[in-house]
Amino acid sequence: MTPVAGPDPAGSTIEIRVERVPQLFNMLDPFPFRERDLDAEAEAFIVEWARELPRGAPISIVVHLPPEEALTREAEGLPDAIRGYFTLRARALSAELSELFRVGRISLTIGIIVLALCLGIAGLIAEPRLESLGSLAAEGLLILGWVALWRPMEIFLYDWWPIAGQRRLYQRLAMAGISVRAVP
């Protein structure tokens, strides 16, 4: 697989040249041709070029093949196979995002309970007559309570962004116009 020219000047076309259609797919995948995963290098190439394209622009993918290969049944099914692959990847990332939010909700519930318990216990042991030891334990419990909220806040504030961005990119690639061109 070799790039022909990369994206066009308008910034919306990814061009790839291969000698045979199977070069684009994982040959170890036992599924029929249209259901196979893209080859890791082919996927990486397409995704990297797509990341550089303007966000709002529709994406086009042009696969250049030798004339005899461009007329094969596999070449005819190539657009559906590529779209199907990126659709499945987008769905997988949606499921991953849902799972991350589920874990975040559970972690938040646990964190709030731990914080409430720590605040309650800290309030009981931080009596004025136990100045040093009670205050130290109370402060430790307060820190523990807030640390218990660290992971859920990390999930809800930061962890989901990259997954959502990757999903949007795969959704754009799933909607890409894909064509096959015969080139000598």
N, C-alpha and C. Protein backbone atom coordinates (compact mmCIF):
# COMPACT_ATOMS: atom_id res chain seq x y z
N MET A 1 0.84 -1.16 0.00
CA MET A 1 0.00 0.00 0.00
C MET A 1 0.89 1.23 0.00
N THR A 2 0.64 2.12 -0.94
CA THR A 2 1.41 3.35 -1.01
C THR A 2 0.48 4.52 -1.23
N PRO A 3 0.82 5.66 -0.64
CA PRO A 3 -0.01 6.83 -0.90
C PRO A 3 0.21 7.29 -2.33
N VAL A 4 -0.82 7.78 -2.95
CA VAL A 4 -0.68 8.33 -4.29
C VAL A 4 -0.26 9.78 -4.15
N ALA A 5 -1.07 10.56 -3.48
CA ALA A 5 -0.73 11.96 -3.28
C ALA A 5 -1.25 12.44 -1.95
N GLY A 6 -1.87 11.58 -1.18
CA GLY A 6 -2.47 12.01 0.08
C GLY A 6 -3.72 12.81 -0.20
N PRO A 7 -4.09 13.66 0.74
CA PRO A 7 -5.29 14.46 0.53
C PRO A 7 -5.13 15.43 -0.63
N ASP A 8 -6.23 15.72 -1.29
CA ASP A 8 -6.20 16.68 -2.38
C ASP A 8 -6.09 18.10 -1.82
N PRO A 9 -5.82 19.08 -2.69
CA PRO A 9 -5.68 20.46 -2.20
C PRO A 9 -6.93 20.96 -1.49
N ALA A 10 -8.11 20.49 -1.87
CA ALA A 10 -9.34 20.90 -1.19
C ALA A 10 -9.41 20.28 0.20
N GLY A 11 -8.58 19.28 0.44
CA GLY A 11 -8.48 18.72 1.77
C GLY A 11 -9.50 17.67 2.13
N SER A 12 -10.01 16.93 1.15
CA SER A 12 -11.04 15.98 1.52
C SER A 12 -10.84 14.57 0.96
N THR A 13 -9.79 14.33 0.20
CA THR A 13 -9.62 13.03 -0.43
C THR A 13 -8.34 12.34 0.06
N ILE A 14 -8.51 11.07 0.41
CA ILE A 14 -7.38 10.23 0.79
C ILE A 14 -7.20 9.24 -0.36
N GLU A 15 -6.00 9.20 -0.92
CA GLU A 15 -5.74 8.31 -2.05
C GLU A 15 -4.73 7.24 -1.64
N ILE A 16 -5.06 6.00 -2.05
CA ILE A 16 -4.22 4.84 -1.72
C ILE A 16 -4.01 4.04 -3.00
N ARG A 17 -2.81 3.51 -3.14
CA ARG A 17 -2.54 2.64 -4.28
C ARG A 17 -2.12 1.28 -3.75
N VAL A 18 -2.80 0.24 -4.23
CA VAL A 18 -2.43 -1.13 -3.88
C VAL A 18 -2.41 -1.96 -5.16
N GLU A 19 -1.69 -3.04 -5.11
CA GLU A 19 -1.62 -3.92 -6.28
C GLU A 19 -2.77 -4.90 -6.31
N ARG A 20 -3.25 -5.27 -5.10
CA ARG A 20 -4.36 -6.22 -5.00
C ARG A 20 -5.26 -5.79 -3.85
N VAL A 21 -6.54 -6.01 -3.98
CA VAL A 21 -7.51 -5.64 -2.95
C VAL A 21 -7.20 -6.30 -1.61
N PRO A 22 -6.84 -7.58 -1.57
CA PRO A 22 -6.57 -8.20 -0.26
C PRO A 22 -5.47 -7.53 0.56
N GLN A 23 -4.62 -6.72 -0.06
CA GLN A 23 -3.59 -6.02 0.68
C GLN A 23 -4.20 -5.07 1.73
N LEU A 24 -5.42 -4.64 1.49
CA LEU A 24 -6.06 -3.71 2.42
C LEU A 24 -6.66 -4.41 3.64
N PHE A 25 -6.75 -5.73 3.61
CA PHE A 25 -7.46 -6.44 4.67
C PHE A 25 -6.56 -7.41 5.41
N ASN A 26 -6.95 -7.70 6.63
CA ASN A 26 -6.23 -8.66 7.46
C ASN A 26 -6.49 -10.05 6.91
N MET A 27 -5.48 -10.66 6.38
CA MET A 27 -5.65 -11.97 5.74
C MET A 27 -5.86 -13.10 6.76
N LEU A 28 -5.52 -12.87 8.02
CA LEU A 28 -5.74 -13.89 9.04
C LEU A 28 -7.17 -13.91 9.54
N ASP A 29 -7.92 -12.87 9.21
CA ASP A 29 -9.32 -12.78 9.63
C ASP A 29 -10.12 -13.85 8.89
N PRO A 30 -10.82 -14.75 9.60
CA PRO A 30 -11.52 -15.85 8.94
C PRO A 30 -12.85 -15.46 8.30
N PHE A 31 -13.30 -14.23 8.50
CA PHE A 31 -14.60 -13.84 7.97
C PHE A 31 -14.55 -13.66 6.46
N PRO A 32 -15.73 -13.69 5.82
CA PRO A 32 -15.78 -13.43 4.38
C PRO A 32 -15.22 -12.04 4.08
N PHE A 33 -14.84 -11.82 2.85
CA PHE A 33 -14.15 -10.61 2.42
C PHE A 33 -14.80 -9.33 2.94
N ARG A 34 -16.09 -9.17 2.74
CA ARG A 34 -16.75 -7.91 3.11
C ARG A 34 -16.83 -7.68 4.61
N GLU A 35 -16.56 -8.70 5.41
CA GLU A 35 -16.65 -8.57 6.86
C GLU A 35 -15.28 -8.56 7.54
N ARG A 36 -14.23 -8.62 6.75
CA ARG A 36 -12.88 -8.66 7.32
C ARG A 36 -12.48 -7.31 7.89
N ASP A 37 -11.57 -7.38 8.86
CA ASP A 37 -10.96 -6.16 9.39
C ASP A 37 -9.97 -5.62 8.38
N LEU A 38 -9.83 -4.31 8.37
CA LEU A 38 -8.78 -3.73 7.55
C LEU A 38 -7.43 -4.12 8.12
N ASP A 39 -6.45 -4.20 7.27
CA ASP A 39 -5.08 -4.43 7.71
C ASP A 39 -4.70 -3.28 8.63
N ALA A 40 -3.94 -3.57 9.69
CA ALA A 40 -3.58 -2.55 10.68
C ALA A 40 -2.87 -1.37 10.03
N GLU A 41 -1.98 -1.65 9.09
CA GLU A 41 -1.26 -0.57 8.42
C GLU A 41 -2.20 0.25 7.53
N ALA A 42 -3.12 -0.40 6.86
CA ALA A 42 -4.07 0.32 6.01
C ALA A 42 -4.97 1.21 6.87
N GLU A 43 -5.46 0.66 7.98
CA GLU A 43 -6.29 1.46 8.87
C GLU A 43 -5.51 2.65 9.41
N ALA A 44 -4.29 2.42 9.88
CA ALA A 44 -3.48 3.51 10.43
C ALA A 44 -3.24 4.59 9.38
N PHE A 45 -2.96 4.18 8.16
CA PHE A 45 -2.72 5.13 7.07
C PHE A 45 -3.96 5.99 6.83
N ILE A 46 -5.11 5.36 6.70
CA ILE A 46 -6.36 6.08 6.43
C ILE A 46 -6.71 7.00 7.60
N VAL A 47 -6.60 6.49 8.81
CA VAL A 47 -6.97 7.27 9.99
C VAL A 47 -6.04 8.48 10.16
N GLU A 48 -4.75 8.27 9.96
CA GLU A 48 -3.80 9.39 10.11
C GLU A 48 -4.08 10.50 9.09
N TRP A 49 -4.34 10.12 7.84
CA TRP A 49 -4.68 11.14 6.84
C TRP A 49 -6.00 11.81 7.19
N ALA A 50 -6.96 11.04 7.65
CA ALA A 50 -8.27 11.61 7.98
C ALA A 50 -8.16 12.60 9.13
N ARG A 51 -7.27 12.35 10.08
CA ARG A 51 -7.08 13.28 11.20
C ARG A 51 -6.58 14.65 10.72
N GLU A 52 -5.86 14.66 9.62
CA GLU A 52 -5.31 15.91 9.12
C GLU A 52 -6.29 16.69 8.24
N LEU A 53 -7.40 16.07 7.90
CA LEU A 53 -8.38 16.74 7.05
C LEU A 53 -9.19 17.74 7.86
N PRO A 54 -9.73 18.77 7.22
CA PRO A 54 -10.59 19.72 7.93
C PRO A 54 -11.77 18.99 8.57
N ARG A 55 -12.09 19.35 9.80
CA ARG A 55 -13.12 18.64 10.56
C ARG A 55 -14.48 18.59 9.89
N GLY A 56 -14.91 19.66 9.28
CA GLY A 56 -16.25 19.68 8.71
C GLY A 56 -16.35 19.12 7.30
N ALA A 57 -15.21 18.90 6.67
CA ALA A 57 -15.22 18.47 5.27
C ALA A 57 -15.58 16.99 5.15
N PRO A 58 -16.41 16.65 4.17
CA PRO A 58 -16.67 15.24 3.92
C PRO A 58 -15.40 14.57 3.41
N ILE A 59 -15.27 13.31 3.72
CA ILE A 59 -14.06 12.57 3.34
C ILE A 59 -14.35 11.69 2.13
N SER A 60 -13.38 11.67 1.21
CA SER A 60 -13.43 10.75 0.07
C SER A 60 -12.18 9.88 0.14
N ILE A 61 -12.36 8.61 -0.17
CA ILE A 61 -11.23 7.69 -0.24
C ILE A 61 -11.21 7.11 -1.65
N VAL A 62 -10.06 7.24 -2.30
CA VAL A 62 -9.90 6.70 -3.65
C VAL A 62 -8.83 5.61 -3.57
N VAL A 63 -9.21 4.41 -4.00
CA VAL A 63 -8.27 3.29 -4.02
C VAL A 63 -7.87 3.07 -5.48
N HIS A 64 -6.58 3.21 -5.74
CA HIS A 64 -6.05 3.00 -7.09
C HIS A 64 -5.58 1.56 -7.20
N LEU A 65 -6.05 0.87 -8.23
CA LEU A 65 -5.71 -0.53 -8.48
C LEU A 65 -5.29 -0.72 -9.94
N PRO A 66 -4.49 -1.73 -10.21
CA PRO A 66 -4.22 -2.06 -11.61
C PRO A 66 -5.54 -2.39 -12.32
N PRO A 67 -5.62 -2.13 -13.64
CA PRO A 67 -6.90 -2.31 -14.36
C PRO A 67 -7.54 -3.68 -14.17
N GLU A 68 -6.74 -4.76 -14.23
CA GLU A 68 -7.34 -6.10 -14.11
C GLU A 68 -7.87 -6.34 -12.68
N GLU A 69 -7.24 -5.76 -11.69
CA GLU A 69 -7.69 -5.92 -10.30
C GLU A 69 -8.92 -5.05 -10.01
N ALA A 70 -9.00 -3.90 -10.66
CA ALA A 70 -10.13 -2.98 -10.46
C ALA A 70 -11.45 -3.57 -10.96
N LEU A 71 -11.38 -4.60 -11.83
CA LEU A 71 -12.59 -5.20 -12.38
C LEU A 71 -13.06 -6.43 -11.59
N THR A 72 -12.37 -6.79 -10.54
CA THR A 72 -12.72 -7.99 -9.78
C THR A 72 -13.91 -7.74 -8.87
N ARG A 73 -14.49 -8.84 -8.41
CA ARG A 73 -15.63 -8.78 -7.49
C ARG A 73 -15.22 -8.11 -6.16
N GLU A 74 -14.00 -8.40 -5.71
CA GLU A 74 -13.52 -7.79 -4.46
C GLU A 74 -13.44 -6.27 -4.60
N ALA A 75 -12.95 -5.79 -5.73
CA ALA A 75 -12.86 -4.34 -5.95
C ALA A 75 -14.24 -3.71 -5.95
N GLU A 76 -15.20 -4.41 -6.51
CA GLU A 76 -16.57 -3.91 -6.54
C GLU A 76 -17.14 -3.78 -5.12
N GLY A 77 -16.79 -4.72 -4.25
CA GLY A 77 -17.29 -4.69 -2.88
C GLY A 77 -16.45 -3.88 -1.92
N LEU A 78 -15.35 -3.32 -2.40
CA LEU A 78 -14.44 -2.57 -1.55
C LEU A 78 -15.10 -1.40 -0.82
N PRO A 79 -15.89 -0.55 -1.47
CA PRO A 79 -16.51 0.56 -0.74
C PRO A 79 -17.37 0.08 0.44
N ASP A 80 -18.19 -0.93 0.23
CA ASP A 80 -19.03 -1.44 1.31
C ASP A 80 -18.20 -2.06 2.43
N ALA A 81 -17.13 -2.75 2.06
CA ALA A 81 -16.27 -3.38 3.06
C ALA A 81 -15.58 -2.34 3.93
N ILE A 82 -15.07 -1.28 3.33
CA ILE A 82 -14.39 -0.23 4.10
C ILE A 82 -15.38 0.52 4.97
N ARG A 83 -16.52 0.89 4.40
CA ARG A 83 -17.56 1.57 5.19
C ARG A 83 -18.02 0.70 6.35
N GLY A 84 -18.23 -0.58 6.08
CA GLY A 84 -18.67 -1.50 7.12
C GLY A 84 -17.66 -1.62 8.24
N TYR A 85 -16.39 -1.64 7.88
CA TYR A 85 -15.34 -1.74 8.90
C TYR A 85 -15.37 -0.52 9.82
N PHE A 86 -15.42 0.67 9.23
CA PHE A 86 -15.40 1.88 10.06
C PHE A 86 -16.71 2.05 10.84
N THR A 87 -17.80 1.57 10.31
CA THR A 87 -19.06 1.59 11.06
C THR A 87 -18.95 0.70 12.29
N LEU A 88 -18.38 -0.49 12.13
CA LEU A 88 -18.20 -1.38 13.28
C LEU A 88 -17.24 -0.80 14.30
N ARG A 89 -16.18 -0.16 13.85
CA ARG A 89 -15.22 0.47 14.77
C ARG A 89 -15.89 1.60 15.55
N ALA A 90 -16.73 2.39 14.88
CA ALA A 90 -17.45 3.47 15.56
C ALA A 90 -18.41 2.90 16.61
N ARG A 91 -19.08 1.81 16.26
CA ARG A 91 -19.99 1.17 17.24
C ARG A 91 -19.21 0.61 18.43
N ALA A 92 -18.05 0.04 18.16
CA ALA A 92 -17.22 -0.49 19.25
C ALA A 92 -16.77 0.63 20.18
N LEU A 93 -16.43 1.77 19.62
CA LEU A 93 -16.04 2.90 20.45
C LEU A 93 -17.22 3.47 21.22
N SER A 94 -18.42 3.42 20.64
CA SER A 94 -19.62 3.83 21.37
C SER A 94 -19.84 2.93 22.57
N ALA A 95 -19.65 1.64 22.37
CA ALA A 95 -19.79 0.69 23.48
C ALA A 95 -18.72 0.94 24.54
N GLU A 96 -17.49 1.22 24.10
CA GLU A 96 -16.41 1.51 25.04
C GLU A 96 -16.71 2.77 25.85
N LEU A 97 -17.26 3.78 25.19
CA LEU A 97 -17.62 5.02 25.86
C LEU A 97 -18.74 4.78 26.87
N SER A 98 -19.73 4.00 26.49
CA SER A 98 -20.82 3.66 27.42
C SER A 98 -20.29 2.93 28.64
N GLU A 99 -19.38 1.99 28.42
CA GLU A 99 -18.78 1.25 29.53
C GLU A 99 -17.97 2.17 30.43
N LEU A 100 -17.23 3.09 29.83
CA LEU A 100 -16.45 4.04 30.63
C LEU A 100 -17.37 4.89 31.50
N PHE A 101 -18.48 5.37 30.95
CA PHE A 101 -19.42 6.16 31.74
C PHE A 101 -20.10 5.31 32.82
N ARG A 102 -20.35 4.04 32.53
CA ARG A 102 -20.92 3.15 33.55
C ARG A 102 -19.95 3.00 34.71
N VAL A 103 -18.69 2.75 34.39
CA VAL A 103 -17.66 2.64 35.43
C VAL A 103 -17.54 3.96 36.19
N GLY A 104 -17.63 5.08 35.47
CA GLY A 104 -17.57 6.39 36.10
C GLY A 104 -18.70 6.62 37.08
N ARG A 105 -19.92 6.19 36.70
CA ARG A 105 -21.07 6.35 37.60
C ARG A 105 -20.90 5.50 38.87
N ILE A 106 -20.44 4.27 38.68
CA ILE A 106 -20.21 3.39 39.83
C ILE A 106 -19.10 3.98 40.72
N SER A 107 -18.02 4.43 40.10
CA SER A 107 -16.92 5.02 40.85
C SER A 107 -17.36 6.29 41.58
N LEU A 108 -18.19 7.08 40.94
CA LEU A 108 -18.69 8.30 41.58
C LEU A 108 -19.55 7.97 42.79
N THR A 109 -20.40 6.98 42.65
CA THR A 109 -21.24 6.56 43.78
C THR A 109 -20.37 6.10 44.95
N ILE A 110 -19.40 5.26 44.66
CA ILE A 110 -18.49 4.79 45.71
C ILE A 110 -17.71 5.96 46.30
N GLY A 111 -17.22 6.85 45.46
CA GLY A 111 -16.46 8.01 45.93
C GLY A 111 -17.26 8.91 46.83
N ILE A 112 -18.52 9.15 46.47
CA ILE A 112 -19.38 10.01 47.30
C ILE A 112 -19.65 9.35 48.65
N ILE A 113 -19.87 8.05 48.64
CA ILE A 113 -20.10 7.33 49.90
C ILE A 113 -18.84 7.40 50.78
N VAL A 114 -17.68 7.14 50.18
CA VAL A 114 -16.43 7.21 50.94
C VAL A 114 -16.21 8.62 51.48
N LEU A 115 -16.45 9.64 50.65
CA LEU A 115 -16.29 11.02 51.10
C LEU A 115 -17.23 11.33 52.27
N ALA A 116 -18.49 10.93 52.13
CA ALA A 116 -19.46 11.19 53.21
C ALA A 116 -19.03 10.50 54.51
N LEU A 117 -18.59 9.24 54.41
CA LEU A 117 -18.12 8.53 55.60
C LEU A 117 -16.89 9.21 56.20
N CYS A 118 -15.96 9.59 55.36
CA CYS A 118 -14.75 10.25 55.85
C CYS A 118 -15.07 11.59 56.51
N LEU A 119 -15.97 12.37 55.90
CA LEU A 119 -16.37 13.65 56.50
C LEU A 119 -17.06 13.43 57.84
N GLY A 120 -17.92 12.42 57.90
CA GLY A 120 -18.62 12.11 59.15
C GLY A 120 -17.67 11.68 60.25
N ILE A 121 -16.77 10.77 59.93
CA ILE A 121 -15.81 10.28 60.93
C ILE A 121 -14.85 11.41 61.32
N ALA A 122 -14.41 12.20 60.33
CA ALA A 122 -13.50 13.32 60.62
C ALA A 122 -14.17 14.32 61.56
N GLY A 123 -15.46 14.56 61.37
CA GLY A 123 -16.19 15.48 62.25
C GLY A 123 -16.28 14.95 63.66
N LEU A 124 -16.35 13.64 63.82
CA LEU A 124 -16.44 13.05 65.15
C LEU A 124 -15.10 13.05 65.89
N ILE A 125 -14.01 12.82 65.18
CA ILE A 125 -12.72 12.69 65.85
C ILE A 125 -11.95 14.00 65.96
N ALA A 126 -12.38 15.04 65.29
CA ALA A 126 -11.66 16.31 65.32
C ALA A 126 -12.19 17.19 66.43
N GLU A 127 -12.29 16.67 67.62
CA GLU A 127 -12.75 17.45 68.76
C GLU A 127 -11.60 18.27 69.31
N PRO A 128 -11.91 19.42 69.87
CA PRO A 128 -10.86 20.32 70.36
C PRO A 128 -9.93 19.69 71.40
N ARG A 129 -10.42 18.76 72.21
CA ARG A 129 -9.57 18.20 73.26
C ARG A 129 -8.53 17.22 72.71
N LEU A 130 -8.72 16.69 71.53
CA LEU A 130 -7.75 15.79 70.90
C LEU A 130 -7.00 16.53 69.80
N GLU A 131 -6.51 17.70 70.11
CA GLU A 131 -5.90 18.61 69.14
C GLU A 131 -5.03 17.94 68.09
N SER A 132 -3.92 17.41 68.45
CA SER A 132 -2.96 16.97 67.44
C SER A 132 -3.35 15.65 66.78
N LEU A 133 -3.62 14.63 67.56
CA LEU A 133 -3.94 13.33 66.98
C LEU A 133 -5.28 13.34 66.24
N GLY A 134 -6.28 13.91 66.82
CA GLY A 134 -7.60 13.98 66.19
C GLY A 134 -7.58 14.82 64.93
N SER A 135 -6.90 15.96 64.98
CA SER A 135 -6.83 16.83 63.80
C SER A 135 -6.09 16.13 62.67
N LEU A 136 -5.01 15.45 63.01
CA LEU A 136 -4.24 14.73 61.99
C LEU A 136 -5.09 13.65 61.34
N ALA A 137 -5.80 12.87 62.16
CA ALA A 137 -6.66 11.81 61.62
C ALA A 137 -7.79 12.41 60.80
N ALA A 138 -8.37 13.50 61.27
CA ALA A 138 -9.47 14.15 60.54
C ALA A 138 -8.99 14.66 59.18
N GLU A 139 -7.84 15.28 59.15
CA GLU A 139 -7.29 15.77 57.88
C GLU A 139 -6.99 14.61 56.94
N GLY A 140 -6.45 13.52 57.47
CA GLY A 140 -6.17 12.33 56.67
C GLY A 140 -7.44 11.77 56.06
N LEU A 141 -8.52 11.75 56.85
CA LEU A 141 -9.80 11.24 56.34
C LEU A 141 -10.38 12.17 55.27
N LEU A 142 -10.22 13.46 55.46
CA LEU A 142 -10.70 14.40 54.44
C LEU A 142 -9.96 14.19 53.12
N ILE A 143 -8.66 14.03 53.21
CA ILE A 143 -7.87 13.78 52.00
C ILE A 143 -8.29 12.48 51.35
N LEU A 144 -8.46 11.42 52.16
CA LEU A 144 -8.91 10.13 51.63
C LEU A 144 -10.26 10.27 50.93
N GLY A 145 -11.17 11.01 51.54
CA GLY A 145 -12.50 11.21 50.94
C GLY A 145 -12.43 11.90 49.59
N TRP A 146 -11.62 12.94 49.49
CA TRP A 146 -11.51 13.64 48.22
C TRP A 146 -10.76 12.82 47.18
N VAL A 147 -9.77 12.05 47.61
CA VAL A 147 -9.04 11.19 46.68
C VAL A 147 -9.97 10.11 46.12
N ALA A 148 -10.95 9.68 46.91
CA ALA A 148 -11.91 8.68 46.43
C ALA A 148 -12.70 9.20 45.23
N LEU A 149 -12.78 10.50 45.07
CA LEU A 149 -13.49 11.09 43.92
C LEU A 149 -12.58 11.33 42.72
N TRP A 150 -11.30 11.06 42.88
CA TRP A 150 -10.33 11.36 41.83
C TRP A 150 -10.67 10.63 40.53
N ARG A 151 -10.82 9.33 40.58
CA ARG A 151 -11.04 8.53 39.35
C ARG A 151 -12.34 8.90 38.65
N PRO A 152 -13.48 9.02 39.38
CA PRO A 152 -14.69 9.40 38.63
C PRO A 152 -14.58 10.79 37.99
N MET A 153 -13.92 11.71 38.66
CA MET A 153 -13.76 13.03 38.07
C MET A 153 -12.83 12.97 36.85
N GLU A 154 -11.82 12.14 36.93
CA GLU A 154 -10.92 11.95 35.79
C GLU A 154 -11.70 11.39 34.59
N ILE A 155 -12.57 10.43 34.85
CA ILE A 155 -13.39 9.85 33.77
C ILE A 155 -14.30 10.90 33.16
N PHE A 156 -15.05 11.63 34.01
CA PHE A 156 -16.05 12.56 33.49
C PHE A 156 -15.46 13.86 32.94
N LEU A 157 -14.25 14.20 33.37
CA LEU A 157 -13.65 15.44 32.87
C LEU A 157 -12.69 15.22 31.71
N TYR A 158 -11.97 14.09 31.69
CA TYR A 158 -10.89 13.94 30.72
C TYR A 158 -10.92 12.67 29.88
N ASP A 159 -11.16 11.52 30.47
CA ASP A 159 -10.96 10.24 29.78
C ASP A 159 -11.86 10.01 28.58
N TRP A 160 -13.04 10.58 28.56
CA TRP A 160 -13.99 10.29 27.49
C TRP A 160 -13.71 11.08 26.22
N TRP A 161 -13.01 12.20 26.30
CA TRP A 161 -12.77 13.04 25.13
C TRP A 161 -12.05 12.31 24.00
N PRO A 162 -10.93 11.64 24.27
CA PRO A 162 -10.24 10.97 23.15
C PRO A 162 -11.08 9.88 22.50
N ILE A 163 -11.85 9.15 23.31
CA ILE A 163 -12.69 8.08 22.75
C ILE A 163 -13.78 8.68 21.87
N ALA A 164 -14.41 9.74 22.35
CA ALA A 164 -15.47 10.40 21.56
C ALA A 164 -14.90 10.98 20.27
N GLY A 165 -13.71 11.54 20.33
CA GLY A 165 -13.08 12.08 19.12
C GLY A 165 -12.76 11.00 18.10
N GLN A 166 -12.24 9.89 18.59
CA GLN A 166 -11.93 8.76 17.70
C GLN A 166 -13.22 8.22 17.08
N ARG A 167 -14.28 8.14 17.87
CA ARG A 167 -15.57 7.65 17.36
C ARG A 167 -16.08 8.58 16.26
N ARG A 168 -16.00 9.90 16.48
CA ARG A 168 -16.44 10.85 15.44
C ARG A 168 -15.65 10.67 14.15
N LEU A 169 -14.34 10.45 14.28
CA LEU A 169 -13.51 10.24 13.10
C LEU A 169 -13.93 8.97 12.36
N TYR A 170 -14.15 7.88 13.09
CA TYR A 170 -14.60 6.64 12.46
C TYR A 170 -15.97 6.80 11.83
N GLN A 171 -16.86 7.58 12.44
CA GLN A 171 -18.17 7.83 11.85
C GLN A 171 -18.02 8.60 10.54
N ARG A 172 -17.12 9.57 10.52
CA ARG A 172 -16.86 10.30 9.27
C ARG A 172 -16.32 9.37 8.20
N LEU A 173 -15.41 8.48 8.60
CA LEU A 173 -14.84 7.53 7.63
C LEU A 173 -15.89 6.54 7.15
N ALA A 174 -16.83 6.18 8.02
CA ALA A 174 -17.90 5.27 7.63
C ALA A 174 -18.83 5.91 6.60
N MET A 175 -18.91 7.23 6.61
CA MET A 175 -19.76 7.94 5.65
C MET A 175 -18.98 8.43 4.43
N ALA A 176 -17.70 8.11 4.37
CA ALA A 176 -16.85 8.59 3.28
C ALA A 176 -17.32 8.05 1.93
N GLY A 177 -17.13 8.87 0.93
CA GLY A 177 -17.34 8.41 -0.43
C GLY A 177 -16.12 7.59 -0.83
N ILE A 178 -16.31 6.35 -1.22
CA ILE A 178 -15.19 5.47 -1.53
C ILE A 178 -15.31 5.03 -2.98
N SER A 179 -14.23 5.20 -3.73
CA SER A 179 -14.25 4.81 -5.12
C SER A 179 -12.97 4.05 -5.46
N VAL A 180 -13.08 3.27 -6.53
CA VAL A 180 -11.95 2.49 -7.03
C VAL A 180 -11.62 3.01 -8.41
N ARG A 181 -10.33 3.28 -8.62
CA ARG A 181 -9.88 3.75 -9.93
C ARG A 181 -8.84 2.80 -10.48
N ALA A 182 -8.98 2.50 -11.73
CA ALA A 182 -7.98 1.68 -12.42
C ALA A 182 -6.85 2.58 -12.91
N VAL A 183 -5.65 2.21 -12.54
CA VAL A 183 -4.48 2.96 -13.01
C VAL A 183 -3.43 1.97 -13.49
N PRO A 184 -2.75 2.29 -14.57
CA PRO A 184 -1.74 1.35 -15.08
C PRO A 184 -0.54 1.23 -14.16
